[in-house]
């Protein structure tokens, strides 16, 4: 029987089985090999990133290694003669302290609430900037103004606004004796509000970059097929900007987890608003305990790595699949 006759009987192409699997060149059902173009792009990416990677390793490598070395010692500047190598004792002291876990919970609380609010508001602002029919440049510039203000300046402005004696917020809410920084809940509310106001434009800017890459032809085709605005947003826009959402969430979460400026300016950690960064500052600068402070810093670094890994692995943004690779 000829090859053509066999193909007609099986309903497949030459060299392809009826179930769609190849009959040669690698195991059936295995992963497709990376194409030469993909390998070239990956190699070019590494070459372009290599200078920046080398500089970053030189700039950050030594401080990280030195911080790890200090965290393994009993090193208090008030008692320099008592310096000695104690191994993991500093980590045991930190992890067995309720102060660390309380500060970690406060940090995660601020991070989770602020990032969720910023994602929703940032996506709305990104859509507004992307769909603005007139005054687009003015709209984008006005939205990005808060992000251009120094964090300390922004924190001071919000602190004075909510001050019970000199602020104007109490007048707006028709109260004269509300001490916003006198209790935990209200203090955290102001801190989170400040973080949202300051960094939502950053989230919007990253999401706007993703919206620009969405082909308008897809929306036009879906509109012809009768898809509603919500359906086009959930079925076309959101899946295509998934990588941009991942980048925005990752960057903002890592930044929010290391929050220091706003808390330090407003409360200095009072009323149970101390974060892990404030804890490390107090140990290193106020108490001059380089061993414990370095252990706290290393633990913060480990937490940042864990957050990054969880985002990349758990979010499920397969960038290689979007480029046509498997």
C-alpha atoms as a PDB file:
ATOM      1  CA  UNK A   1       0.000   0.000   0.000  1.00  0.00           C
ATOM      2  CA  UNK A   2       1.353   3.440  -0.869  1.00  0.00           C
ATOM      3  CA  UNK A   3       2.134   6.140   1.657  1.00  0.00           C
ATOM      4  CA  UNK A   4      -0.743   8.234   0.327  1.00  0.00           C
ATOM      5  CA  UNK A   5      -3.209   5.353   0.771  1.00  0.00           C
ATOM      6  CA  UNK A   6      -2.066   4.727   4.335  1.00  0.00           C
ATOM      7  CA  UNK A   7      -2.449   8.434   5.100  1.00  0.00           C
ATOM      8  CA  UNK A   8      -6.003   8.413   3.792  1.00  0.00           C
ATOM      9  CA  UNK A   9      -6.889   5.401   5.903  1.00  0.00           C
ATOM     10  CA  UNK A  10      -5.434   6.767   9.134  1.00  0.00           C
ATOM     11  CA  UNK A  11      -6.578  10.333   8.479  1.00  0.00           C
ATOM     12  CA  UNK A  12      -3.154  11.747   9.322  1.00  0.00           C
ATOM     13  CA  UNK A  13      -0.148  13.280   7.665  1.00  0.00           C
ATOM     14  CA  UNK A  14       2.996  11.333   6.784  1.00  0.00           C
ATOM     15  CA  UNK A  15       5.010  10.582   9.900  1.00  0.00           C
ATOM     16  CA  UNK A  16       2.120  11.426  12.271  1.00  0.00           C
ATOM     17  CA  UNK A  17       0.078   8.770  14.031  1.00  0.00           C
ATOM     18  CA  UNK A  18      -3.719   8.827  14.114  1.00  0.00           C
ATOM     19  CA  UNK A  19      -3.704  10.104  17.692  1.00  0.00           C
ATOM     20  CA  UNK A  20      -1.656  13.152  16.690  1.00  0.00           C
ATOM     21  CA  UNK A  21       1.647  11.987  18.212  1.00  0.00           C
ATOM     22  CA  UNK A  22       4.827  11.936  16.229  1.00  0.00           C
ATOM     23  CA  UNK A  23       6.286   8.561  15.328  1.00  0.00           C
ATOM     24  CA  UNK A  24       9.879   9.649  15.536  1.00  0.00           C
ATOM     25  CA  UNK A  25      12.340  12.139  16.964  1.00  0.00           C
ATOM     26  CA  UNK A  26      11.795  11.996  20.711  1.00  0.00           C
ATOM     27  CA  UNK A  27       9.389  10.292  23.101  1.00  0.00           C
ATOM     28  CA  UNK A  28       5.664  10.564  22.492  1.00  0.00           C
ATOM     29  CA  UNK A  29       3.996  13.191  24.634  1.00  0.00           C
ATOM     30  CA  UNK A  30       7.362  14.667  25.635  1.00  0.00           C
ATOM     31  CA  UNK A  31       8.120  18.369  25.850  1.00  0.00           C
ATOM     32  CA  UNK A  32       8.848  20.124  22.590  1.00  0.00           C
ATOM     33  CA  UNK A  33      12.461  21.064  22.164  1.00  0.00           C
ATOM     34  CA  UNK A  34      13.347  24.739  22.343  1.00  0.00           C
ATOM     35  CA  UNK A  35      13.738  26.263  18.905  1.00  0.00           C
ATOM     36  CA  UNK A  36      16.950  27.834  17.695  1.00  0.00           C
ATOM     37  CA  UNK A  37      15.352  31.265  17.781  1.00  0.00           C
ATOM     38  CA  UNK A  38      14.294  30.811  21.382  1.00  0.00           C
ATOM     39  CA  UNK A  39      17.799  29.716  22.360  1.00  0.00           C
ATOM     40  CA  UNK A  40      19.262  32.744  20.580  1.00  0.00           C
ATOM     41  CA  UNK A  41      16.843  35.086  22.365  1.00  0.00           C
ATOM     42  CA  UNK A  42      17.696  33.543  25.723  1.00  0.00           C
ATOM     43  CA  UNK A  43      21.421  33.819  25.040  1.00  0.00           C
ATOM     44  CA  UNK A  44      21.039  37.454  23.962  1.00  0.00           C
ATOM     45  CA  UNK A  45      19.024  38.185  27.095  1.00  0.00           C
ATOM     46  CA  UNK A  46      21.756  36.789  29.329  1.00  0.00           C
ATOM     47  CA  UNK A  47      24.428  38.764  27.472  1.00  0.00           C
ATOM     48  CA  UNK A  48      22.471  42.005  27.828  1.00  0.00           C
ATOM     49  CA  UNK A  49      21.822  41.393  31.527  1.00  0.00           C
ATOM     50  CA  UNK A  50      25.359  40.260  32.335  1.00  0.00           C
ATOM     51  CA  UNK A  51      26.898  43.747  32.963  1.00  0.00           C
ATOM     52  CA  UNK A  52      24.048  44.769  35.271  1.00  0.00           C
ATOM     53  CA  UNK A  53      24.210  41.427  37.086  1.00  0.00           C
ATOM     54  CA  UNK A  54      27.952  41.799  37.661  1.00  0.00           C
ATOM     55  CA  UNK A  55      27.546  45.332  39.022  1.00  0.00           C
ATOM     56  CA  UNK A  56      24.668  44.306  41.293  1.00  0.00           C
ATOM     57  CA  UNK A  57      26.674  41.383  42.653  1.00  0.00           C
ATOM     58  CA  UNK A  58      29.604  43.665  43.424  1.00  0.00           C
ATOM     59  CA  UNK A  59      27.404  46.311  45.051  1.00  0.00           C
ATOM     60  CA  UNK A  60      25.077  44.024  47.011  1.00  0.00           C
ATOM     61  CA  UNK A  61      27.106  40.854  47.414  1.00  0.00           C
ATOM     62  CA  UNK A  62      29.531  42.135  50.051  1.00  0.00           C
ATOM     63  CA  UNK A  63      26.876  43.779  52.307  1.00  0.00           C
ATOM     64  CA  UNK A  64      24.770  40.606  52.228  1.00  0.00           C
ATOM     65  CA  UNK A  65      27.693  38.334  53.067  1.00  0.00           C
ATOM     66  CA  UNK A  66      28.888  40.703  55.802  1.00  0.00           C
ATOM     67  CA  UNK A  67      25.383  40.909  57.300  1.00  0.00           C
ATOM     68  CA  UNK A  68      25.195  37.114  57.407  1.00  0.00           C
ATOM     69  CA  UNK A  69      28.609  36.995  59.088  1.00  0.00           C
ATOM     70  CA  UNK A  70      27.575  39.568  61.711  1.00  0.00           C
ATOM     71  CA  UNK A  71      24.345  37.672  62.396  1.00  0.00           C
ATOM     72  CA  UNK A  72      26.396  34.684  63.504  1.00  0.00           C
ATOM     73  CA  UNK A  73      28.194  36.664  66.218  1.00  0.00           C
ATOM     74  CA  UNK A  74      27.417  38.249  69.545  1.00  0.00           C
ATOM     75  CA  UNK A  75      28.349  41.788  68.613  1.00  0.00           C
ATOM     76  CA  UNK A  76      27.063  44.677  70.712  1.00  0.00           C
ATOM     77  CA  UNK A  77      28.871  47.996  70.225  1.00  0.00           C
ATOM     78  CA  UNK A  78      28.168  48.864  73.857  1.00  0.00           C
ATOM     79  CA  UNK A  79      30.275  45.852  74.878  1.00  0.00           C
ATOM     80  CA  UNK A  80      32.840  45.448  72.087  1.00  0.00           C
ATOM     81  CA  UNK A  81      35.106  43.189  74.171  1.00  0.00           C
ATOM     82  CA  UNK A  82      32.392  40.533  74.399  1.00  0.00           C
ATOM     83  CA  UNK A  83      32.296  39.908  70.667  1.00  0.00           C
ATOM     84  CA  UNK A  84      32.349  36.199  69.810  1.00  0.00           C
ATOM     85  CA  UNK A  85      31.073  33.694  67.278  1.00  0.00           C
ATOM     86  CA  UNK A  86      27.833  32.080  68.505  1.00  0.00           C
ATOM     87  CA  UNK A  87      26.449  30.447  65.373  1.00  0.00           C
ATOM     88  CA  UNK A  88      22.658  30.503  64.988  1.00  0.00           C
ATOM     89  CA  UNK A  89      21.915  31.723  68.516  1.00  0.00           C
ATOM     90  CA  UNK A  90      20.850  35.164  67.257  1.00  0.00           C
ATOM     91  CA  UNK A  91      18.309  33.598  64.910  1.00  0.00           C
ATOM     92  CA  UNK A  92      16.978  31.443  67.727  1.00  0.00           C
ATOM     93  CA  UNK A  93      16.576  34.529  69.916  1.00  0.00           C
ATOM     94  CA  UNK A  94      14.746  36.441  67.182  1.00  0.00           C
ATOM     95  CA  UNK A  95      12.452  33.613  66.107  1.00  0.00           C
ATOM     96  CA  UNK A  96      11.605  32.703  69.689  1.00  0.00           C
ATOM     97  CA  UNK A  97      10.634  36.282  70.500  1.00  0.00           C
ATOM     98  CA  UNK A  98       6.981  37.277  70.301  1.00  0.00           C
ATOM     99  CA  UNK A  99       8.082  40.757  69.192  1.00  0.00           C
ATOM    100  CA  UNK A 100       9.335  39.403  65.856  1.00  0.00           C
ATOM    101  CA  UNK A 101       6.089  37.561  65.147  1.00  0.00           C
ATOM    102  CA  UNK A 102       3.942  40.530  66.173  1.00  0.00           C
ATOM    103  CA  UNK A 103       5.940  42.839  63.906  1.00  0.00           C
ATOM    104  CA  UNK A 104       5.807  40.285  61.092  1.00  0.00           C
ATOM    105  CA  UNK A 105       2.018  40.081  61.397  1.00  0.00           C
ATOM    106  CA  UNK A 106       1.750  43.886  61.328  1.00  0.00           C
ATOM    107  CA  UNK A 107       3.992  44.032  58.265  1.00  0.00           C
ATOM    108  CA  UNK A 108       1.996  41.373  56.423  1.00  0.00           C
ATOM    109  CA  UNK A 109      -1.252  43.122  57.347  1.00  0.00           C
ATOM    110  CA  UNK A 110      -0.071  46.452  55.936  1.00  0.00           C
ATOM    111  CA  UNK A 111       1.322  44.718  52.860  1.00  0.00           C
ATOM    112  CA  UNK A 112      -1.762  42.645  52.058  1.00  0.00           C
ATOM    113  CA  UNK A 113      -4.339  45.408  52.493  1.00  0.00           C
ATOM    114  CA  UNK A 114      -2.355  48.107  50.702  1.00  0.00           C
ATOM    115  CA  UNK A 115      -1.362  45.908  47.743  1.00  0.00           C
ATOM    116  CA  UNK A 116      -4.923  44.665  47.153  1.00  0.00           C
ATOM    117  CA  UNK A 117      -6.332  48.201  47.213  1.00  0.00           C
ATOM    118  CA  UNK A 118      -3.534  49.471  44.987  1.00  0.00           C
ATOM    119  CA  UNK A 119      -4.125  46.701  42.448  1.00  0.00           C
ATOM    120  CA  UNK A 120      -7.816  47.552  42.103  1.00  0.00           C
ATOM    121  CA  UNK A 121      -7.281  51.311  41.999  1.00  0.00           C
ATOM    122  CA  UNK A 122      -4.196  50.989  39.817  1.00  0.00           C
ATOM    123  CA  UNK A 123      -6.042  48.902  37.258  1.00  0.00           C
ATOM    124  CA  UNK A 124      -8.844  51.452  37.163  1.00  0.00           C
ATOM    125  CA  UNK A 125      -6.405  54.332  36.718  1.00  0.00           C
ATOM    126  CA  UNK A 126      -4.512  52.397  34.032  1.00  0.00           C
ATOM    127  CA  UNK A 127      -7.745  51.873  32.088  1.00  0.00           C
ATOM    128  CA  UNK A 128      -8.552  55.573  32.493  1.00  0.00           C
ATOM    129  CA  UNK A 129      -5.143  56.643  31.188  1.00  0.00           C
ATOM    130  CA  UNK A 130      -5.322  54.134  28.346  1.00  0.00           C
ATOM    131  CA  UNK A 131      -8.835  55.057  27.211  1.00  0.00           C
ATOM    132  CA  UNK A 132      -8.666  58.825  27.725  1.00  0.00           C
ATOM    133  CA  UNK A 133     -10.004  60.460  24.558  1.00  0.00           C
ATOM    134  CA  UNK A 134      -8.745  63.978  25.263  1.00  0.00           C
ATOM    135  CA  UNK A 135      -6.128  65.475  27.540  1.00  0.00           C
ATOM    136  CA  UNK A 136      -4.350  62.107  27.785  1.00  0.00           C
ATOM    137  CA  UNK A 137      -0.999  63.630  28.703  1.00  0.00           C
ATOM    138  CA  UNK A 138      -2.581  65.849  31.346  1.00  0.00           C
ATOM    139  CA  UNK A 139      -4.469  62.904  32.840  1.00  0.00           C
ATOM    140  CA  UNK A 140      -1.344  60.738  33.016  1.00  0.00           C
ATOM    141  CA  UNK A 141       0.785  63.517  34.495  1.00  0.00           C
ATOM    142  CA  UNK A 142      -1.771  64.382  37.183  1.00  0.00           C
ATOM    143  CA  UNK A 143      -2.218  60.737  38.187  1.00  0.00           C
ATOM    144  CA  UNK A 144       1.537  60.177  38.520  1.00  0.00           C
ATOM    145  CA  UNK A 145       2.141  63.250  40.725  1.00  0.00           C
ATOM    146  CA  UNK A 146       1.875  61.391  44.085  1.00  0.00           C
ATOM    147  CA  UNK A 147       4.493  58.857  43.014  1.00  0.00           C
ATOM    148  CA  UNK A 148       6.931  61.668  42.262  1.00  0.00           C
ATOM    149  CA  UNK A 149       6.778  62.997  45.828  1.00  0.00           C
ATOM    150  CA  UNK A 150       9.449  61.805  48.247  1.00  0.00           C
ATOM    151  CA  UNK A 151       8.036  59.211  50.649  1.00  0.00           C
ATOM    152  CA  UNK A 152       9.113  61.109  53.767  1.00  0.00           C
ATOM    153  CA  UNK A 153       7.499  64.307  52.513  1.00  0.00           C
ATOM    154  CA  UNK A 154       4.276  62.460  51.707  1.00  0.00           C
ATOM    155  CA  UNK A 155       4.267  60.799  55.131  1.00  0.00           C
ATOM    156  CA  UNK A 156       4.788  64.152  56.867  1.00  0.00           C
ATOM    157  CA  UNK A 157       1.945  65.701  54.874  1.00  0.00           C
ATOM    158  CA  UNK A 158      -0.475  62.934  55.857  1.00  0.00           C
ATOM    159  CA  UNK A 159       0.736  63.045  59.456  1.00  0.00           C
ATOM    160  CA  UNK A 160       0.007  66.756  59.752  1.00  0.00           C
ATOM    161  CA  UNK A 161      -3.329  66.288  57.993  1.00  0.00           C
ATOM    162  CA  UNK A 162      -4.464  63.716  60.564  1.00  0.00           C
ATOM    163  CA  UNK A 163      -2.935  65.490  63.560  1.00  0.00           C
ATOM    164  CA  UNK A 164      -5.545  66.100  66.258  1.00  0.00           C
ATOM    165  CA  UNK A 165      -4.454  69.708  66.856  1.00  0.00           C
ATOM    166  CA  UNK A 166      -3.102  71.071  63.557  1.00  0.00           C
ATOM    167  CA  UNK A 167      -4.760  68.771  61.031  1.00  0.00           C
ATOM    168  CA  UNK A 168      -7.857  69.425  58.948  1.00  0.00           C
ATOM    169  CA  UNK A 169      -9.198  65.869  58.757  1.00  0.00           C
ATOM    170  CA  UNK A 170     -11.044  66.105  62.077  1.00  0.00           C
ATOM    171  CA  UNK A 171     -12.877  69.138  60.754  1.00  0.00           C
ATOM    172  CA  UNK A 172     -13.901  67.240  57.626  1.00  0.00           C
ATOM    173  CA  UNK A 173     -15.354  64.352  59.616  1.00  0.00           C
ATOM    174  CA  UNK A 174     -17.014  66.661  62.164  1.00  0.00           C
ATOM    175  CA  UNK A 175     -14.919  65.618  65.165  1.00  0.00           C
ATOM    176  CA  UNK A 176     -12.503  67.637  67.249  1.00  0.00           C
ATOM    177  CA  UNK A 177     -10.951  65.150  69.647  1.00  0.00           C
ATOM    178  CA  UNK A 178     -10.076  62.201  67.416  1.00  0.00           C
ATOM    179  CA  UNK A 179      -6.448  61.135  68.004  1.00  0.00           C
ATOM    180  CA  UNK A 180      -5.683  59.153  64.860  1.00  0.00           C
ATOM    181  CA  UNK A 181      -2.240  58.135  66.105  1.00  0.00           C
ATOM    182  CA  UNK A 182      -3.401  57.242  69.600  1.00  0.00           C
ATOM    183  CA  UNK A 183      -4.485  53.667  68.871  1.00  0.00           C
ATOM    184  CA  UNK A 184      -3.456  50.759  66.684  1.00  0.00           C
ATOM    185  CA  UNK A 185      -6.389  50.534  64.268  1.00  0.00           C
ATOM    186  CA  UNK A 186      -6.547  54.212  63.347  1.00  0.00           C
ATOM    187  CA  UNK A 187      -2.754  54.436  63.084  1.00  0.00           C
ATOM    188  CA  UNK A 188      -2.646  51.496  60.683  1.00  0.00           C
ATOM    189  CA  UNK A 189      -5.511  53.058  58.731  1.00  0.00           C
ATOM    190  CA  UNK A 190      -3.545  56.265  58.152  1.00  0.00           C
ATOM    191  CA  UNK A 191      -0.353  54.356  57.306  1.00  0.00           C
ATOM    192  CA  UNK A 192      -2.145  52.165  54.759  1.00  0.00           C
ATOM    193  CA  UNK A 193      -3.952  55.185  53.315  1.00  0.00           C
ATOM    194  CA  UNK A 194      -0.636  56.963  52.867  1.00  0.00           C
ATOM    195  CA  UNK A 195       0.931  53.940  51.170  1.00  0.00           C
ATOM    196  CA  UNK A 196      -2.044  53.571  48.826  1.00  0.00           C
ATOM    197  CA  UNK A 197      -2.044  57.251  47.882  1.00  0.00           C
ATOM    198  CA  UNK A 198       1.722  57.280  47.313  1.00  0.00           C
ATOM    199  CA  UNK A 199       2.260  54.079  45.316  1.00  0.00           C
ATOM    200  CA  UNK A 200      -0.994  53.448  43.436  1.00  0.00           C
ATOM    201  CA  UNK A 201       0.373  55.481  40.485  1.00  0.00           C
ATOM    202  CA  UNK A 202       3.344  53.101  40.329  1.00  0.00           C
ATOM    203  CA  UNK A 203       0.959  50.156  40.066  1.00  0.00           C
ATOM    204  CA  UNK A 204      -1.070  51.997  37.428  1.00  0.00           C
ATOM    205  CA  UNK A 205       2.047  52.772  35.400  1.00  0.00           C
ATOM    206  CA  UNK A 206       3.090  49.118  35.241  1.00  0.00           C
ATOM    207  CA  UNK A 207      -0.425  47.973  34.349  1.00  0.00           C
ATOM    208  CA  UNK A 208      -0.668  50.665  31.678  1.00  0.00           C
ATOM    209  CA  UNK A 209       2.404  49.171  30.002  1.00  0.00           C
ATOM    210  CA  UNK A 210       0.551  45.856  29.824  1.00  0.00           C
ATOM    211  CA  UNK A 211      -2.641  47.423  28.461  1.00  0.00           C
ATOM    212  CA  UNK A 212      -0.753  49.099  25.621  1.00  0.00           C
ATOM    213  CA  UNK A 213       0.343  45.668  24.351  1.00  0.00           C
ATOM    214  CA  UNK A 214      -3.217  44.291  24.076  1.00  0.00           C
ATOM    215  CA  UNK A 215      -4.177  44.189  20.355  1.00  0.00           C
ATOM    216  CA  UNK A 216      -7.202  46.349  19.634  1.00  0.00           C
ATOM    217  CA  UNK A 217      -8.230  43.934  16.863  1.00  0.00           C
ATOM    218  CA  UNK A 218      -9.177  41.347  19.474  1.00  0.00           C
ATOM    219  CA  UNK A 219     -11.597  43.749  21.147  1.00  0.00           C
ATOM    220  CA  UNK A 220     -13.086  44.708  17.801  1.00  0.00           C
ATOM    221  CA  UNK A 221     -13.598  41.059  16.835  1.00  0.00           C
ATOM    222  CA  UNK A 222     -15.181  40.285  20.216  1.00  0.00           C
ATOM    223  CA  UNK A 223     -17.439  43.319  19.885  1.00  0.00           C
ATOM    224  CA  UNK A 224     -18.612  42.049  16.492  1.00  0.00           C
ATOM    225  CA  UNK A 225     -19.362  38.661  18.048  1.00  0.00           C
ATOM    226  CA  UNK A 226     -21.597  40.362  20.603  1.00  0.00           C
ATOM    227  CA  UNK A 227     -19.312  40.247  23.665  1.00  0.00           C
ATOM    228  CA  UNK A 228     -20.143  42.766  26.364  1.00  0.00           C
ATOM    229  CA  UNK A 229     -17.645  45.181  27.869  1.00  0.00           C
ATOM    230  CA  UNK A 230     -17.255  43.016  30.967  1.00  0.00           C
ATOM    231  CA  UNK A 231     -16.738  39.884  28.865  1.00  0.00           C
ATOM    232  CA  UNK A 232     -14.071  41.589  26.768  1.00  0.00           C
ATOM    233  CA  UNK A 233     -12.347  42.764  29.929  1.00  0.00           C
ATOM    234  CA  UNK A 234     -12.368  39.387  31.697  1.00  0.00           C
ATOM    235  CA  UNK A 235     -11.773  37.161  28.648  1.00  0.00           C
ATOM    236  CA  UNK A 236      -9.320  39.275  26.657  1.00  0.00           C
ATOM    237  CA  UNK A 237      -7.755  42.105  28.656  1.00  0.00           C
ATOM    238  CA  UNK A 238      -7.061  40.373  31.962  1.00  0.00           C
ATOM    239  CA  UNK A 239      -5.483  37.198  30.495  1.00  0.00           C
ATOM    240  CA  UNK A 240      -3.228  39.228  28.186  1.00  0.00           C
ATOM    241  CA  UNK A 241      -2.003  41.593  30.914  1.00  0.00           C
ATOM    242  CA  UNK A 242      -1.375  38.732  33.339  1.00  0.00           C
ATOM    243  CA  UNK A 243       2.439  39.117  33.085  1.00  0.00           C
ATOM    244  CA  UNK A 244       2.129  42.862  33.771  1.00  0.00           C
ATOM    245  CA  UNK A 245      -0.053  42.142  36.805  1.00  0.00           C
ATOM    246  CA  UNK A 246       2.538  39.671  38.076  1.00  0.00           C
ATOM    247  CA  UNK A 247       5.342  42.224  37.746  1.00  0.00           C
ATOM    248  CA  UNK A 248       3.273  44.969  39.392  1.00  0.00           C
ATOM    249  CA  UNK A 249       2.199  42.751  42.292  1.00  0.00           C
ATOM    250  CA  UNK A 250       5.692  41.377  42.792  1.00  0.00           C
ATOM    251  CA  UNK A 251       7.435  44.747  42.832  1.00  0.00           C
ATOM    252  CA  UNK A 252       4.823  46.404  44.999  1.00  0.00           C
ATOM    253  CA  UNK A 253       4.570  43.527  47.484  1.00  0.00           C
ATOM    254  CA  UNK A 254       8.324  43.418  47.995  1.00  0.00           C
ATOM    255  CA  UNK A 255       8.382  47.181  48.466  1.00  0.00           C
ATOM    256  CA  UNK A 256       5.411  47.157  50.852  1.00  0.00           C
ATOM    257  CA  UNK A 257       6.921  44.362  52.942  1.00  0.00           C
ATOM    258  CA  UNK A 258       9.970  46.548  53.571  1.00  0.00           C
ATOM    259  CA  UNK A 259       7.876  49.562  54.583  1.00  0.00           C
ATOM    260  CA  UNK A 260       9.836  51.867  56.864  1.00  0.00           C
ATOM    261  CA  UNK A 261       9.507  55.561  56.000  1.00  0.00           C
ATOM    262  CA  UNK A 262       5.782  56.016  56.557  1.00  0.00           C
ATOM    263  CA  UNK A 263       5.708  54.101  59.833  1.00  0.00           C
ATOM    264  CA  UNK A 264       8.829  55.812  61.152  1.00  0.00           C
ATOM    265  CA  UNK A 265       7.569  59.309  60.372  1.00  0.00           C
ATOM    266  CA  UNK A 266       4.041  58.798  61.704  1.00  0.00           C
ATOM    267  CA  UNK A 267       4.324  56.550  64.752  1.00  0.00           C
ATOM    268  CA  UNK A 268       7.929  55.293  65.069  1.00  0.00           C
ATOM    269  CA  UNK A 269       6.364  51.912  65.789  1.00  0.00           C
ATOM    270  CA  UNK A 270       4.172  53.034  68.690  1.00  0.00           C
ATOM    271  CA  UNK A 271       0.745  51.516  69.384  1.00  0.00           C
ATOM    272  CA  UNK A 272       1.762  48.122  67.957  1.00  0.00           C
ATOM    273  CA  UNK A 273       2.507  49.543  64.499  1.00  0.00           C
ATOM    274  CA  UNK A 274       6.143  48.437  64.454  1.00  0.00           C
ATOM    275  CA  UNK A 275       7.179  46.588  61.304  1.00  0.00           C
ATOM    276  CA  UNK A 276      10.108  44.233  60.795  1.00  0.00           C
ATOM    277  CA  UNK A 277      12.116  47.045  59.186  1.00  0.00           C
ATOM    278  CA  UNK A 278      11.536  49.256  62.229  1.00  0.00           C
ATOM    279  CA  UNK A 279      12.570  46.328  64.433  1.00  0.00           C
ATOM    280  CA  UNK A 280      15.837  45.943  62.539  1.00  0.00           C
ATOM    281  CA  UNK A 281      16.454  49.700  62.736  1.00  0.00           C
ATOM    282  CA  UNK A 282      15.896  49.754  66.480  1.00  0.00           C
ATOM    283  CA  UNK A 283      18.300  46.879  67.047  1.00  0.00           C
ATOM    284  CA  UNK A 284      21.034  48.215  64.774  1.00  0.00           C
ATOM    285  CA  UNK A 285      20.856  51.962  65.396  1.00  0.00           C
ATOM    286  CA  UNK A 286      19.128  52.549  68.725  1.00  0.00           C
ATOM    287  CA  UNK A 287      20.410  49.526  70.654  1.00  0.00           C
ATOM    288  CA  UNK A 288      23.691  49.143  68.718  1.00  0.00           C
ATOM    289  CA  UNK A 289      23.253  45.364  68.703  1.00  0.00           C
ATOM    290  CA  UNK A 290      24.802  44.429  65.370  1.00  0.00           C
ATOM    291  CA  UNK A 291      24.353  40.693  65.902  1.00  0.00           C
ATOM    292  CA  UNK A 292      20.601  40.707  66.556  1.00  0.00           C
ATOM    293  CA  UNK A 293      20.010  43.523  64.075  1.00  0.00           C
ATOM    294  CA  UNK A 294      21.862  41.661  61.324  1.00  0.00           C
ATOM    295  CA  UNK A 295      19.870  38.506  62.094  1.00  0.00           C
ATOM    296  CA  UNK A 296      16.640  40.499  61.683  1.00  0.00           C
ATOM    297  CA  UNK A 297      17.914  41.941  58.406  1.00  0.00           C
ATOM    298  CA  UNK A 298      18.828  38.495  57.071  1.00  0.00           C
ATOM    299  CA  UNK A 299      15.386  37.163  58.040  1.00  0.00           C
ATOM    300  CA  UNK A 300      13.757  40.058  56.171  1.00  0.00           C
ATOM    301  CA  UNK A 301      15.898  39.176  53.159  1.00  0.00           C
ATOM    302  CA  UNK A 302      14.791  35.537  53.384  1.00  0.00           C
ATOM    303  CA  UNK A 303      11.132  36.595  53.627  1.00  0.00           C
ATOM    304  CA  UNK A 304      11.528  38.735  50.508  1.00  0.00           C
ATOM    305  CA  UNK A 305      12.964  35.759  48.602  1.00  0.00           C
ATOM    306  CA  UNK A 306      10.109  33.533  49.772  1.00  0.00           C
ATOM    307  CA  UNK A 307       7.521  36.100  48.666  1.00  0.00           C
ATOM    308  CA  UNK A 308       9.153  36.392  45.236  1.00  0.00           C
ATOM    309  CA  UNK A 309       9.241  32.605  44.772  1.00  0.00           C
ATOM    310  CA  UNK A 310       5.617  32.234  45.849  1.00  0.00           C
ATOM    311  CA  UNK A 311       4.508  34.898  43.397  1.00  0.00           C
ATOM    312  CA  UNK A 312       6.411  33.470  40.447  1.00  0.00           C
ATOM    313  CA  UNK A 313       5.426  29.856  41.140  1.00  0.00           C
ATOM    314  CA  UNK A 314       1.900  30.421  42.395  1.00  0.00           C
ATOM    315  CA  UNK A 315       0.671  33.115  40.025  1.00  0.00           C
ATOM    316  CA  UNK A 316       1.006  30.842  36.981  1.00  0.00           C
ATOM    317  CA  UNK A 317       2.066  33.427  34.440  1.00  0.00           C
ATOM    318  CA  UNK A 318       3.680  31.251  31.764  1.00  0.00           C
ATOM    319  CA  UNK A 319       5.532  33.785  29.648  1.00  0.00           C
ATOM    320  CA  UNK A 320       7.153  31.098  27.504  1.00  0.00           C
ATOM    321  CA  UNK A 321       3.728  29.768  26.525  1.00  0.00           C
ATOM    322  CA  UNK A 322       2.637  33.240  25.424  1.00  0.00           C
ATOM    323  CA  UNK A 323       5.659  33.359  23.085  1.00  0.00           C
ATOM    324  CA  UNK A 324       4.609  30.076  21.530  1.00  0.00           C
ATOM    325  CA  UNK A 325       7.052  27.847  23.465  1.00  0.00           C
ATOM    326  CA  UNK A 326       6.179  24.840  25.576  1.00  0.00           C
END
